[in-house]
Amino acid sequence: MRIQQKMSQAELAKKMSVPVDQSTISNWESGKTIMDLEQLLDILMIFGKDWKSFFGFLADNAERRTTKKPLQKEPPMEPNAEDKGED
């Protein structure tokens, strides 16, 4: 996104809500380090992207899980001899 917007690493670093060094951006891009979720969301906001454009699959999966048919309850089990206190 940064390159598409013709933005330098230093420019992006300065736009972060908690500014980082240009080398931090370089390390993220090269895979030497990873950003935390807050930084990722910050970058998405800087570039005007909706979080769903990257994490929509999570929302879709959650929706599928909540729209499934509820599990049917199994009938209660008959107590065995141990439960009845029988020896």
Protein backbone atom coordinates (compact mmCIF):
# COMPACT_ATOMS: atom_id res chain seq x y z
CA MET A 1 0.00 0.00 0.00
CA ARG A 2 2.85 2.34 0.87
CA ILE A 3 4.52 1.88 -2.50
CA GLN A 4 1.21 2.19 -4.38
CA GLN A 5 0.65 5.53 -2.65
CA LYS A 6 4.24 6.60 -3.51
CA MET A 7 4.94 7.12 0.18
CA SER A 8 8.40 6.70 1.65
CA GLN A 9 9.07 4.56 4.69
CA ALA A 10 9.98 7.72 6.61
CA GLU A 11 6.67 9.39 5.67
CA LEU A 12 4.67 6.37 6.81
CA ALA A 13 6.67 6.18 10.03
CA LYS A 14 5.80 9.81 10.84
CA LYS A 15 2.08 9.28 10.13
CA MET A 16 1.73 6.45 12.62
CA SER A 17 -0.34 7.34 15.70
CA VAL A 18 2.66 6.27 17.75
CA PRO A 19 5.50 7.34 15.45
CA VAL A 20 8.14 4.74 14.67
CA ASP A 21 11.53 4.98 13.03
CA GLN A 22 11.92 4.47 9.28
CA SER A 23 14.02 1.40 10.04
CA THR A 24 11.01 -0.14 11.82
CA ILE A 25 8.99 0.11 8.61
CA SER A 26 11.93 -1.40 6.71
CA ASN A 27 12.15 -4.29 9.18
CA TRP A 28 8.41 -4.99 8.84
CA GLU A 29 8.62 -4.97 5.06
CA SER A 30 11.66 -7.25 4.98
CA GLY A 31 10.15 -9.67 7.49
CA LYS A 32 12.85 -9.10 10.11
CA THR A 33 10.24 -8.05 12.66
CA ILE A 34 6.46 -8.10 12.84
CA MET A 35 4.12 -5.32 13.75
CA ASP A 36 1.52 -5.68 16.46
CA LEU A 37 -2.19 -5.54 15.79
CA GLU A 38 -2.49 -1.91 16.88
CA GLN A 39 0.18 -0.90 14.37
CA LEU A 40 -1.46 -2.89 11.60
CA LEU A 41 -4.83 -1.26 12.25
CA ASP A 42 -3.11 2.13 12.33
CA ILE A 43 -1.58 1.49 8.91
CA LEU A 44 -4.92 0.36 7.51
CA MET A 45 -6.48 3.61 8.74
CA ILE A 46 -3.63 5.70 7.28
CA PHE A 47 -4.33 4.18 3.88
CA GLY A 48 -8.11 4.43 4.24
CA LYS A 49 -8.65 0.68 4.29
CA ASP A 50 -11.40 -1.02 6.22
CA TRP A 51 -10.19 -3.75 8.60
CA LYS A 52 -12.63 -6.11 6.90
CA SER A 53 -10.59 -5.86 3.71
CA PHE A 54 -7.92 -7.83 5.57
CA PHE A 55 -9.86 -9.60 8.32
CA GLY A 56 -13.27 -10.05 6.73
CA PHE A 57 -12.76 -13.79 6.63
CA LEU A 58 -12.82 -13.76 10.43
CA ALA A 59 -16.18 -12.02 10.49
CA ASP A 60 -17.49 -14.39 7.82
CA ASN A 61 -16.38 -17.42 9.85
CA ALA A 62 -17.96 -16.04 13.01
CA GLU A 63 -21.23 -15.42 11.16
CA ARG A 64 -21.23 -18.97 9.82
CA ARG A 65 -20.68 -20.36 13.30
CA THR A 66 -23.59 -18.39 14.74
CA THR A 67 -26.02 -19.29 11.94
CA LYS A 68 -25.53 -23.04 12.23
CA LYS A 69 -28.39 -25.13 13.54
CA PRO A 70 -28.19 -25.50 17.30
CA LEU A 71 -26.96 -28.83 18.53
CA GLN A 72 -29.68 -31.19 19.63
CA LYS A 73 -29.49 -32.16 23.26
CA GLU A 74 -28.87 -35.79 23.92
CA PRO A 75 -31.21 -37.53 26.36
CA PRO A 76 -29.75 -37.81 29.85
CA MET A 77 -27.74 -40.94 30.48
CA GLU A 78 -29.07 -43.60 32.78
CA PRO A 79 -27.13 -43.62 36.03
CA ASN A 80 -24.81 -46.59 36.32
CA ALA A 81 -24.22 -48.69 39.40
CA GLU A 82 -21.41 -46.41 40.61
CA ASP A 83 -23.71 -43.37 40.49
CA LYS A 84 -26.39 -45.19 42.48
CA GLY A 85 -23.97 -46.11 45.20
CA GLU A 86 -24.34 -49.79 44.43
CA ASP A 87 -21.36 -52.09 44.78
